[in-house]
Amino acid sequence: KLYGELKAWELSKAEDCPYKLCVLNPSLIWGPMTKGQTHLNTSSAAIIQYMDGTHAKIQNGLRCVVDVRDVAAAHITPIEKDIGWGKRYLLFGGAPHFQETASFVKKALEANGSDAATNLITNVPTEVDEILQPTVMGPSADKPLLYDTSPAQKELGIEFRSVEEMVTSSVNELLANGFTGSDQYDTQKL
């Protein structure tokens, strides 16, 4: 991804380049799915692993997340308003600890009320693993993750949705599309 972005910047600065470049850097993307979606994506797999009990304990770590609707708005805004060209934007709606994520998953399953949701509630772990998760980027999981999304908020007008809203819509959409287990995640379908 890094090399792809570097090449895009190089090409966009060429005199004869007919394109404008605005780089949008999302993290895990949660929220609604396409109705009838036939496969799980990597970001949704992170949610379903708490629904189906794949994780016996809550991962002791955090990840940056963003709602798919906020990512879509960030893609449309530069085109519609002719802004943001030549800039990079972080698209993070939050950086929850997985304990917070798991609690939102359980709350969403309880509120959903379907038979499938009811059968999954007891799978959601409540104990946090003592072992810190490896860091994907930034500091270790026991330190705060500092980031600045104010350019996306101020310049693109993005009002990031809450982590709870992202998780709730993810859980409901996963269930609506018939996804109840991480065994349905198939990297061959990505």
N, C-alpha and C. Protein backbone atom coordinates (compact mmCIF):
# COMPACT_ATOMS: atom_id res chain seq x y z
N LYS A 1 0.82 -1.20 0.00
CA LYS A 1 0.00 0.00 0.00
C LYS A 1 0.86 1.26 0.00
N LEU A 2 1.93 1.21 0.79
CA LEU A 2 2.82 2.36 0.86
C LEU A 2 3.42 2.68 -0.50
N TYR A 3 3.92 1.65 -1.18
CA TYR A 3 4.54 1.87 -2.49
C TYR A 3 3.52 2.34 -3.51
N GLY A 4 2.31 1.83 -3.42
CA GLY A 4 1.24 2.28 -4.31
C GLY A 4 0.93 3.75 -4.12
N GLU A 5 0.87 4.17 -2.85
CA GLU A 5 0.59 5.58 -2.58
C GLU A 5 1.75 6.46 -3.05
N LEU A 6 2.99 6.03 -2.78
CA LEU A 6 4.14 6.82 -3.23
C LEU A 6 4.15 6.98 -4.75
N LYS A 7 3.82 5.91 -5.46
CA LYS A 7 3.76 5.98 -6.92
C LYS A 7 2.64 6.91 -7.37
N ALA A 8 1.49 6.86 -6.69
CA ALA A 8 0.37 7.75 -7.03
C ALA A 8 0.77 9.21 -6.85
N TRP A 9 1.48 9.52 -5.75
CA TRP A 9 1.94 10.90 -5.54
C TRP A 9 2.90 11.31 -6.65
N GLU A 10 3.81 10.40 -7.01
CA GLU A 10 4.78 10.71 -8.07
C GLU A 10 4.06 11.00 -9.39
N LEU A 11 3.12 10.17 -9.76
CA LEU A 11 2.38 10.35 -11.01
C LEU A 11 1.54 11.63 -10.99
N SER A 12 0.93 11.93 -9.84
CA SER A 12 0.05 13.10 -9.76
C SER A 12 0.80 14.42 -9.88
N LYS A 13 2.10 14.38 -9.62
CA LYS A 13 2.90 15.61 -9.71
C LYS A 13 3.50 15.84 -11.09
N ALA A 14 3.33 14.87 -11.97
CA ALA A 14 3.84 15.02 -13.34
C ALA A 14 3.03 16.07 -14.08
N GLU A 15 3.70 16.86 -14.91
CA GLU A 15 3.04 17.96 -15.64
C GLU A 15 1.89 17.48 -16.50
N ASP A 16 2.03 16.32 -17.10
CA ASP A 16 1.00 15.83 -18.02
C ASP A 16 -0.06 14.95 -17.34
N CYS A 17 -0.06 14.89 -16.02
CA CYS A 17 -1.04 14.05 -15.32
C CYS A 17 -2.42 14.70 -15.37
N PRO A 18 -3.41 13.99 -15.89
CA PRO A 18 -4.76 14.55 -15.99
C PRO A 18 -5.58 14.38 -14.70
N TYR A 19 -5.00 13.75 -13.69
CA TYR A 19 -5.74 13.43 -12.48
C TYR A 19 -5.32 14.29 -11.30
N LYS A 20 -6.25 14.47 -10.37
CA LYS A 20 -5.96 15.09 -9.08
C LYS A 20 -5.91 13.96 -8.06
N LEU A 21 -5.11 14.13 -7.01
CA LEU A 21 -4.98 13.08 -6.01
C LEU A 21 -5.37 13.58 -4.63
N CYS A 22 -6.21 12.83 -3.99
CA CYS A 22 -6.58 13.03 -2.58
C CYS A 22 -6.48 11.66 -1.95
N VAL A 23 -5.63 11.50 -0.94
CA VAL A 23 -5.41 10.20 -0.32
C VAL A 23 -6.24 10.09 0.95
N LEU A 24 -7.01 9.01 1.02
CA LEU A 24 -7.86 8.73 2.18
C LEU A 24 -7.36 7.44 2.82
N ASN A 25 -7.02 7.52 4.10
CA ASN A 25 -6.45 6.37 4.80
C ASN A 25 -7.40 5.88 5.89
N PRO A 26 -8.28 4.94 5.55
CA PRO A 26 -9.15 4.36 6.57
C PRO A 26 -8.42 3.24 7.31
N SER A 27 -9.04 2.79 8.36
CA SER A 27 -8.52 1.69 9.15
C SER A 27 -9.47 0.51 8.95
N LEU A 28 -9.73 -0.28 10.00
CA LEU A 28 -10.78 -1.29 9.88
C LEU A 28 -12.08 -0.56 9.58
N ILE A 29 -12.83 -1.06 8.63
CA ILE A 29 -14.06 -0.39 8.22
C ILE A 29 -15.26 -1.23 8.67
N TRP A 30 -16.03 -0.65 9.59
CA TRP A 30 -17.21 -1.31 10.12
C TRP A 30 -18.46 -0.58 9.66
N GLY A 31 -19.62 -1.10 10.03
CA GLY A 31 -20.88 -0.47 9.67
C GLY A 31 -21.68 -1.35 8.74
N PRO A 32 -22.67 -0.75 8.06
CA PRO A 32 -23.57 -1.53 7.21
C PRO A 32 -22.84 -2.26 6.10
N MET A 33 -23.44 -3.38 5.71
CA MET A 33 -22.94 -4.17 4.60
C MET A 33 -23.89 -4.01 3.42
N THR A 34 -23.47 -4.47 2.28
CA THR A 34 -24.35 -4.51 1.12
C THR A 34 -25.39 -5.61 1.35
N LYS A 35 -26.65 -5.28 1.12
CA LYS A 35 -27.71 -6.27 1.29
C LYS A 35 -27.43 -7.46 0.37
N GLY A 36 -27.48 -8.64 0.94
CA GLY A 36 -27.22 -9.84 0.15
C GLY A 36 -25.75 -10.13 -0.07
N GLN A 37 -24.87 -9.41 0.65
CA GLN A 37 -23.43 -9.65 0.49
C GLN A 37 -23.14 -11.12 0.73
N THR A 38 -22.37 -11.73 -0.15
CA THR A 38 -22.17 -13.18 -0.10
C THR A 38 -20.92 -13.63 0.64
N HIS A 39 -20.07 -12.69 1.05
CA HIS A 39 -18.86 -13.08 1.75
C HIS A 39 -18.50 -12.05 2.82
N LEU A 40 -17.78 -12.51 3.81
CA LEU A 40 -17.28 -11.64 4.88
C LEU A 40 -16.00 -10.96 4.44
N ASN A 41 -15.86 -9.69 4.77
CA ASN A 41 -14.58 -9.02 4.54
C ASN A 41 -13.75 -9.08 5.82
N THR A 42 -12.50 -8.70 5.72
CA THR A 42 -11.58 -8.79 6.86
C THR A 42 -12.05 -7.95 8.04
N SER A 43 -12.55 -6.76 7.78
CA SER A 43 -13.01 -5.89 8.87
C SER A 43 -14.20 -6.50 9.60
N SER A 44 -15.15 -7.08 8.87
CA SER A 44 -16.31 -7.71 9.50
C SER A 44 -15.91 -8.95 10.29
N ALA A 45 -14.88 -9.63 9.83
CA ALA A 45 -14.41 -10.81 10.55
C ALA A 45 -13.96 -10.45 11.96
N ALA A 46 -13.43 -9.24 12.14
CA ALA A 46 -12.99 -8.80 13.47
C ALA A 46 -14.17 -8.70 14.43
N ILE A 47 -15.36 -8.38 13.93
CA ILE A 47 -16.57 -8.30 14.76
C ILE A 47 -17.14 -9.69 15.01
N ILE A 48 -17.24 -10.48 13.96
CA ILE A 48 -17.90 -11.79 14.09
C ILE A 48 -17.13 -12.73 15.01
N GLN A 49 -15.81 -12.52 15.13
CA GLN A 49 -15.02 -13.37 16.02
C GLN A 49 -15.39 -13.17 17.48
N TYR A 50 -16.01 -12.03 17.80
CA TYR A 50 -16.54 -11.83 19.15
C TYR A 50 -17.96 -12.37 19.26
N MET A 51 -18.67 -12.45 18.15
CA MET A 51 -20.03 -12.97 18.16
C MET A 51 -20.06 -14.49 18.32
N ASP A 52 -19.13 -15.17 17.68
CA ASP A 52 -19.20 -16.63 17.64
C ASP A 52 -18.30 -17.34 18.66
N GLY A 53 -17.57 -16.58 19.47
CA GLY A 53 -16.72 -17.19 20.49
C GLY A 53 -15.36 -17.62 19.99
N THR A 54 -14.97 -17.21 18.78
CA THR A 54 -13.63 -17.52 18.30
C THR A 54 -12.60 -17.05 19.32
N HIS A 55 -12.84 -15.87 19.87
CA HIS A 55 -11.97 -15.37 20.94
C HIS A 55 -12.53 -15.82 22.29
N ALA A 56 -11.82 -16.71 22.97
CA ALA A 56 -12.26 -17.15 24.29
C ALA A 56 -12.09 -16.02 25.30
N LYS A 57 -11.10 -15.17 25.06
CA LYS A 57 -10.88 -13.99 25.88
C LYS A 57 -10.84 -12.77 24.97
N ILE A 58 -11.12 -11.62 25.55
CA ILE A 58 -11.07 -10.37 24.80
C ILE A 58 -9.62 -10.04 24.51
N GLN A 59 -9.32 -9.73 23.27
CA GLN A 59 -7.96 -9.35 22.91
C GLN A 59 -7.57 -8.10 23.70
N ASN A 60 -6.36 -8.11 24.24
CA ASN A 60 -5.87 -6.96 25.01
C ASN A 60 -5.14 -6.03 24.05
N GLY A 61 -5.94 -5.26 23.35
CA GLY A 61 -5.38 -4.36 22.36
C GLY A 61 -6.46 -3.45 21.82
N LEU A 62 -6.07 -2.64 20.86
CA LEU A 62 -7.03 -1.74 20.24
C LEU A 62 -6.73 -1.62 18.77
N ARG A 63 -7.71 -1.17 18.03
CA ARG A 63 -7.55 -0.92 16.60
C ARG A 63 -8.33 0.33 16.24
N CYS A 64 -7.82 1.06 15.30
CA CYS A 64 -8.55 2.20 14.76
C CYS A 64 -9.65 1.67 13.85
N VAL A 65 -10.81 2.29 13.95
CA VAL A 65 -11.96 1.86 13.16
C VAL A 65 -12.68 3.07 12.59
N VAL A 66 -13.41 2.85 11.51
CA VAL A 66 -14.18 3.91 10.88
C VAL A 66 -15.41 3.28 10.25
N ASP A 67 -16.48 4.05 10.18
CA ASP A 67 -17.72 3.57 9.59
C ASP A 67 -17.65 3.69 8.07
N VAL A 68 -18.18 2.69 7.39
CA VAL A 68 -18.16 2.67 5.93
C VAL A 68 -18.87 3.89 5.34
N ARG A 69 -19.91 4.39 6.01
CA ARG A 69 -20.62 5.57 5.51
C ARG A 69 -19.74 6.82 5.58
N ASP A 70 -18.88 6.89 6.60
CA ASP A 70 -17.95 8.02 6.70
C ASP A 70 -16.87 7.92 5.62
N VAL A 71 -16.44 6.70 5.33
CA VAL A 71 -15.45 6.50 4.27
C VAL A 71 -16.06 6.89 2.91
N ALA A 72 -17.31 6.51 2.70
CA ALA A 72 -17.99 6.86 1.44
C ALA A 72 -18.10 8.38 1.30
N ALA A 73 -18.50 9.05 2.37
CA ALA A 73 -18.62 10.52 2.33
C ALA A 73 -17.27 11.17 2.03
N ALA A 74 -16.22 10.62 2.61
CA ALA A 74 -14.88 11.17 2.39
C ALA A 74 -14.44 10.99 0.94
N HIS A 75 -14.92 9.95 0.28
CA HIS A 75 -14.59 9.75 -1.13
C HIS A 75 -15.38 10.69 -2.04
N ILE A 76 -16.60 10.96 -1.70
CA ILE A 76 -17.48 11.78 -2.54
C ILE A 76 -17.18 13.27 -2.40
N THR A 77 -16.91 13.72 -1.18
CA THR A 77 -16.75 15.15 -0.91
C THR A 77 -15.69 15.84 -1.77
N PRO A 78 -14.49 15.30 -1.91
CA PRO A 78 -13.50 16.00 -2.75
C PRO A 78 -13.98 16.19 -4.20
N ILE A 79 -14.69 15.22 -4.71
CA ILE A 79 -15.17 15.31 -6.09
C ILE A 79 -16.28 16.35 -6.20
N GLU A 80 -17.25 16.27 -5.30
CA GLU A 80 -18.40 17.19 -5.36
C GLU A 80 -18.02 18.64 -5.06
N LYS A 81 -17.09 18.83 -4.11
CA LYS A 81 -16.76 20.19 -3.68
C LYS A 81 -15.42 20.70 -4.19
N ASP A 82 -14.73 19.85 -4.96
CA ASP A 82 -13.41 20.20 -5.51
C ASP A 82 -12.46 20.69 -4.42
N ILE A 83 -12.36 19.90 -3.36
CA ILE A 83 -11.46 20.21 -2.24
C ILE A 83 -10.63 18.99 -1.89
N GLY A 84 -9.56 19.21 -1.13
CA GLY A 84 -8.75 18.12 -0.60
C GLY A 84 -7.69 17.59 -1.54
N TRP A 85 -7.60 18.15 -2.73
CA TRP A 85 -6.62 17.65 -3.68
C TRP A 85 -5.20 17.94 -3.19
N GLY A 86 -4.32 16.96 -3.33
CA GLY A 86 -2.93 17.11 -2.91
C GLY A 86 -2.74 16.91 -1.41
N LYS A 87 -3.74 16.32 -0.75
CA LYS A 87 -3.66 16.13 0.71
C LYS A 87 -3.94 14.67 1.07
N ARG A 88 -3.55 14.33 2.32
CA ARG A 88 -3.82 13.01 2.91
C ARG A 88 -4.73 13.21 4.11
N TYR A 89 -5.66 12.28 4.29
CA TYR A 89 -6.59 12.35 5.42
C TYR A 89 -6.65 11.00 6.12
N LEU A 90 -6.52 11.05 7.46
CA LEU A 90 -6.77 9.86 8.27
C LEU A 90 -8.27 9.74 8.47
N LEU A 91 -8.79 8.55 8.28
CA LEU A 91 -10.21 8.30 8.51
C LEU A 91 -10.36 7.32 9.66
N PHE A 92 -10.35 7.84 10.86
CA PHE A 92 -10.52 7.04 12.07
C PHE A 92 -11.70 7.61 12.85
N GLY A 93 -12.68 6.79 13.12
CA GLY A 93 -13.81 7.23 13.93
C GLY A 93 -13.57 6.94 15.40
N GLY A 94 -12.57 6.16 15.70
CA GLY A 94 -12.23 5.84 17.08
C GLY A 94 -11.14 4.79 17.11
N ALA A 95 -10.62 4.57 18.31
CA ALA A 95 -9.60 3.54 18.52
C ALA A 95 -9.94 2.79 19.81
N PRO A 96 -11.03 2.03 19.77
CA PRO A 96 -11.49 1.36 20.99
C PRO A 96 -10.61 0.19 21.39
N HIS A 97 -10.52 -0.02 22.69
CA HIS A 97 -9.93 -1.26 23.19
C HIS A 97 -10.93 -2.35 22.84
N PHE A 98 -10.46 -3.55 22.60
CA PHE A 98 -11.37 -4.63 22.22
C PHE A 98 -12.37 -4.96 23.33
N GLN A 99 -12.09 -4.57 24.56
CA GLN A 99 -13.07 -4.77 25.64
C GLN A 99 -14.33 -3.94 25.35
N GLU A 100 -14.11 -2.71 24.87
CA GLU A 100 -15.24 -1.85 24.51
C GLU A 100 -15.98 -2.45 23.30
N THR A 101 -15.23 -2.92 22.33
CA THR A 101 -15.83 -3.54 21.15
C THR A 101 -16.69 -4.73 21.55
N ALA A 102 -16.15 -5.62 22.38
CA ALA A 102 -16.89 -6.81 22.81
C ALA A 102 -18.16 -6.43 23.55
N SER A 103 -18.09 -5.39 24.39
CA SER A 103 -19.29 -4.98 25.13
C SER A 103 -20.36 -4.45 24.18
N PHE A 104 -19.95 -3.73 23.13
CA PHE A 104 -20.91 -3.23 22.13
C PHE A 104 -21.49 -4.39 21.32
N VAL A 105 -20.68 -5.40 21.03
CA VAL A 105 -21.17 -6.58 20.31
C VAL A 105 -22.26 -7.26 21.13
N LYS A 106 -21.99 -7.47 22.40
CA LYS A 106 -22.97 -8.14 23.27
C LYS A 106 -24.25 -7.31 23.37
N LYS A 107 -24.11 -6.02 23.57
CA LYS A 107 -25.27 -5.12 23.67
C LYS A 107 -26.10 -5.16 22.38
N ALA A 108 -25.43 -5.17 21.23
CA ALA A 108 -26.13 -5.21 19.94
C ALA A 108 -26.87 -6.54 19.75
N LEU A 109 -26.24 -7.64 20.15
CA LEU A 109 -26.89 -8.94 20.05
C LEU A 109 -28.13 -8.99 20.94
N GLU A 110 -28.01 -8.47 22.15
CA GLU A 110 -29.15 -8.45 23.07
C GLU A 110 -30.30 -7.60 22.51
N ALA A 111 -29.96 -6.47 21.91
CA ALA A 111 -30.99 -5.58 21.37
C ALA A 111 -31.61 -6.13 20.09
N ASN A 112 -30.85 -6.91 19.33
CA ASN A 112 -31.35 -7.45 18.07
C ASN A 112 -32.55 -8.36 18.29
N GLY A 113 -32.45 -9.24 19.26
CA GLY A 113 -33.58 -10.08 19.64
C GLY A 113 -33.90 -11.25 18.74
N SER A 114 -33.24 -11.40 17.61
CA SER A 114 -33.52 -12.54 16.73
C SER A 114 -33.02 -13.83 17.39
N ASP A 115 -33.51 -14.96 16.90
CA ASP A 115 -33.06 -16.24 17.44
C ASP A 115 -31.55 -16.40 17.25
N ALA A 116 -31.05 -16.01 16.08
CA ALA A 116 -29.61 -16.13 15.82
C ALA A 116 -28.82 -15.29 16.82
N ALA A 117 -29.27 -14.06 17.05
CA ALA A 117 -28.58 -13.17 18.00
C ALA A 117 -28.62 -13.75 19.41
N THR A 118 -29.78 -14.21 19.82
CA THR A 118 -29.94 -14.77 21.17
C THR A 118 -29.00 -15.95 21.37
N ASN A 119 -28.84 -16.78 20.35
CA ASN A 119 -27.96 -17.95 20.45
C ASN A 119 -26.48 -17.58 20.52
N LEU A 120 -26.14 -16.37 20.09
CA LEU A 120 -24.74 -15.94 20.07
C LEU A 120 -24.30 -15.18 21.32
N ILE A 121 -25.24 -14.65 22.07
CA ILE A 121 -24.92 -13.76 23.21
C ILE A 121 -23.91 -14.39 24.17
N THR A 122 -24.10 -15.64 24.52
CA THR A 122 -23.21 -16.26 25.51
C THR A 122 -21.81 -16.52 24.97
N ASN A 123 -21.62 -16.40 23.66
CA ASN A 123 -20.30 -16.60 23.06
C ASN A 123 -19.37 -15.40 23.27
N VAL A 124 -19.94 -14.24 23.53
CA VAL A 124 -19.12 -13.02 23.63
C VAL A 124 -18.31 -13.08 24.92
N PRO A 125 -16.98 -13.04 24.81
CA PRO A 125 -16.15 -13.14 26.01
C PRO A 125 -16.27 -11.89 26.89
N THR A 126 -15.99 -12.07 28.17
CA THR A 126 -16.03 -10.94 29.11
C THR A 126 -14.68 -10.73 29.80
N GLU A 127 -13.80 -11.72 29.71
CA GLU A 127 -12.48 -11.63 30.36
C GLU A 127 -11.45 -11.15 29.35
N VAL A 128 -10.63 -10.19 29.78
CA VAL A 128 -9.57 -9.65 28.91
C VAL A 128 -8.31 -10.50 29.06
N ASP A 129 -7.72 -10.86 27.96
CA ASP A 129 -6.47 -11.61 27.95
C ASP A 129 -5.37 -10.76 28.59
N GLU A 130 -4.51 -11.39 29.37
CA GLU A 130 -3.41 -10.66 30.02
C GLU A 130 -2.33 -10.26 29.00
N ILE A 131 -2.22 -11.02 27.94
CA ILE A 131 -1.17 -10.78 26.94
C ILE A 131 -1.59 -9.62 26.03
N LEU A 132 -0.70 -8.62 25.92
CA LEU A 132 -0.97 -7.49 25.03
C LEU A 132 -0.88 -7.94 23.58
N GLN A 133 -1.80 -7.48 22.77
CA GLN A 133 -1.78 -7.77 21.34
C GLN A 133 -0.59 -7.08 20.69
N PRO A 134 -0.03 -7.67 19.66
CA PRO A 134 1.05 -6.98 18.95
C PRO A 134 0.53 -5.69 18.33
N THR A 135 1.38 -4.72 18.25
CA THR A 135 1.01 -3.43 17.70
C THR A 135 1.04 -3.48 16.18
N VAL A 136 -0.04 -3.01 15.56
CA VAL A 136 -0.08 -2.91 14.10
C VAL A 136 0.58 -1.60 13.69
N MET A 137 0.24 -0.53 14.41
CA MET A 137 0.88 0.77 14.21
C MET A 137 0.74 1.53 15.51
N GLY A 138 1.63 2.42 15.77
CA GLY A 138 1.54 3.22 16.99
C GLY A 138 2.14 2.51 18.18
N PRO A 139 1.82 3.01 19.37
CA PRO A 139 2.40 2.48 20.60
C PRO A 139 1.77 1.14 20.99
N SER A 140 2.35 0.50 22.00
CA SER A 140 1.79 -0.76 22.49
C SER A 140 0.39 -0.50 23.05
N ALA A 141 -0.38 -1.57 23.18
CA ALA A 141 -1.80 -1.47 23.55
C ALA A 141 -2.04 -0.88 24.93
N ASP A 142 -1.02 -0.85 25.78
CA ASP A 142 -1.21 -0.27 27.12
C ASP A 142 -0.94 1.23 27.16
N LYS A 143 -0.66 1.81 25.99
CA LYS A 143 -0.40 3.25 25.88
C LYS A 143 -1.50 3.88 25.01
N PRO A 144 -1.78 5.15 25.22
CA PRO A 144 -2.80 5.79 24.38
C PRO A 144 -2.33 5.93 22.94
N LEU A 145 -3.27 5.78 22.02
CA LEU A 145 -2.98 5.96 20.61
C LEU A 145 -3.39 7.38 20.24
N LEU A 146 -2.42 8.15 19.82
CA LEU A 146 -2.69 9.55 19.48
C LEU A 146 -2.77 9.69 17.96
N TYR A 147 -3.81 10.35 17.50
CA TYR A 147 -3.97 10.59 16.08
C TYR A 147 -4.80 11.86 15.91
N ASP A 148 -4.76 12.42 14.71
CA ASP A 148 -5.47 13.67 14.45
C ASP A 148 -6.31 13.53 13.19
N THR A 149 -7.62 13.51 13.37
CA THR A 149 -8.53 13.44 12.22
C THR A 149 -9.20 14.79 11.97
N SER A 150 -8.73 15.84 12.64
CA SER A 150 -9.37 17.15 12.47
C SER A 150 -9.32 17.65 11.03
N PRO A 151 -8.27 17.35 10.23
CA PRO A 151 -8.33 17.79 8.83
C PRO A 151 -9.53 17.18 8.07
N ALA A 152 -9.80 15.91 8.29
CA ALA A 152 -10.95 15.27 7.63
C ALA A 152 -12.26 15.87 8.13
N GLN A 153 -12.29 16.20 9.42
CA GLN A 153 -13.50 16.79 9.98
C GLN A 153 -13.71 18.22 9.48
N LYS A 154 -12.65 19.02 9.54
CA LYS A 154 -12.78 20.43 9.18
C LYS A 154 -12.85 20.66 7.67
N GLU A 155 -11.96 20.01 6.94
CA GLU A 155 -11.87 20.27 5.50
C GLU A 155 -12.88 19.49 4.67
N LEU A 156 -13.13 18.24 5.06
CA LEU A 156 -14.08 17.42 4.31
C LEU A 156 -15.47 17.39 4.94
N GLY A 157 -15.56 17.92 6.16
CA GLY A 157 -16.86 17.96 6.84
C GLY A 157 -17.33 16.62 7.37
N ILE A 158 -16.42 15.70 7.59
CA ILE A 158 -16.80 14.37 8.07
C ILE A 158 -17.09 14.44 9.58
N GLU A 159 -18.25 13.98 9.96
CA GLU A 159 -18.61 13.83 11.37
C GLU A 159 -18.62 12.33 11.65
N PHE A 160 -17.52 11.85 12.19
CA PHE A 160 -17.35 10.42 12.38
C PHE A 160 -18.40 9.84 13.33
N ARG A 161 -18.95 8.71 12.94
CA ARG A 161 -19.91 8.01 13.77
C ARG A 161 -19.21 7.39 14.97
N SER A 162 -19.96 7.12 16.02
CA SER A 162 -19.40 6.53 17.23
C SER A 162 -19.07 5.06 17.00
N VAL A 163 -18.15 4.55 17.81
CA VAL A 163 -17.79 3.14 17.74
C VAL A 163 -19.01 2.28 18.02
N GLU A 164 -19.82 2.69 18.98
CA GLU A 164 -21.02 1.90 19.29
C GLU A 164 -21.95 1.81 18.08
N GLU A 165 -22.14 2.91 17.37
CA GLU A 165 -22.99 2.88 16.18
C GLU A 165 -22.40 1.96 15.11
N MET A 166 -21.08 2.02 14.94
CA MET A 166 -20.43 1.15 13.95
C MET A 166 -20.62 -0.32 14.28
N VAL A 167 -20.37 -0.66 15.55
CA VAL A 167 -20.47 -2.06 15.97
C VAL A 167 -21.92 -2.54 15.87
N THR A 168 -22.85 -1.73 16.34
CA THR A 168 -24.26 -2.12 16.31
C THR A 168 -24.73 -2.37 14.88
N SER A 169 -24.41 -1.46 13.98
CA SER A 169 -24.85 -1.67 12.59
C SER A 169 -24.13 -2.86 11.97
N SER A 170 -22.87 -3.09 12.34
CA SER A 170 -22.15 -4.26 11.83
C SER A 170 -22.82 -5.55 12.28
N VAL A 171 -23.11 -5.65 13.56
CA VAL A 171 -23.74 -6.86 14.11
C VAL A 171 -25.08 -7.10 13.43
N ASN A 172 -25.91 -6.07 13.34
CA ASN A 172 -27.24 -6.23 12.74
C ASN A 172 -27.14 -6.63 11.26
N GLU A 173 -26.21 -6.03 10.54
CA GLU A 173 -26.06 -6.35 9.11
C GLU A 173 -25.47 -7.75 8.91
N LEU A 174 -24.53 -8.13 9.76
CA LEU A 174 -23.99 -9.49 9.67
C LEU A 174 -25.12 -10.51 9.83
N LEU A 175 -25.95 -10.31 10.85
CA LEU A 175 -27.07 -11.23 11.09
C LEU A 175 -28.07 -11.19 9.93
N ALA A 176 -28.38 -10.00 9.44
CA ALA A 176 -29.34 -9.87 8.33
C ALA A 176 -28.85 -10.57 7.07
N ASN A 177 -27.54 -10.64 6.90
CA ASN A 177 -26.96 -11.30 5.73
C ASN A 177 -26.64 -12.78 5.99
N GLY A 178 -27.02 -13.27 7.16
CA GLY A 178 -26.83 -14.69 7.47
C GLY A 178 -25.47 -15.08 7.97
N PHE A 179 -24.67 -14.11 8.41
CA PHE A 179 -23.34 -14.42 8.92
C PHE A 179 -23.39 -14.56 10.44
N THR A 180 -23.04 -15.75 10.92
CA THR A 180 -23.06 -16.00 12.36
C THR A 180 -21.76 -16.63 12.86
N GLY A 181 -20.83 -16.93 11.97
CA GLY A 181 -19.60 -17.57 12.40
C GLY A 181 -18.40 -17.16 11.57
N SER A 182 -17.25 -17.13 12.22
CA SER A 182 -16.03 -16.74 11.52
C SER A 182 -15.59 -17.80 10.51
N ASP A 183 -16.18 -19.00 10.60
CA ASP A 183 -15.88 -20.02 9.60
C ASP A 183 -16.43 -19.64 8.22
N GLN A 184 -17.25 -18.60 8.18
CA GLN A 184 -17.79 -18.10 6.91
C GLN A 184 -16.83 -17.11 6.24
N TYR A 185 -15.73 -16.78 6.93
CA TYR A 185 -14.71 -15.88 6.37
C TYR A 185 -13.79 -16.69 5.49
N ASP A 186 -13.78 -16.39 4.20
CA ASP A 186 -13.01 -17.13 3.23
C ASP A 186 -12.15 -16.15 2.44
N THR A 187 -10.85 -16.18 2.67
CA THR A 187 -9.96 -15.22 2.00
C THR A 187 -9.93 -15.44 0.49
N GLN A 188 -10.37 -16.59 0.02
CA GLN A 188 -10.41 -16.84 -1.42
C GLN A 188 -11.50 -16.02 -2.10
N LYS A 189 -12.48 -15.54 -1.31
CA LYS A 189 -13.59 -14.76 -1.87
C LYS A 189 -13.35 -13.26 -1.80
N LEU A 190 -12.22 -12.84 -1.23
CA LEU A 190 -11.95 -11.41 -1.10
C LEU A 190 -11.53 -10.80 -2.42
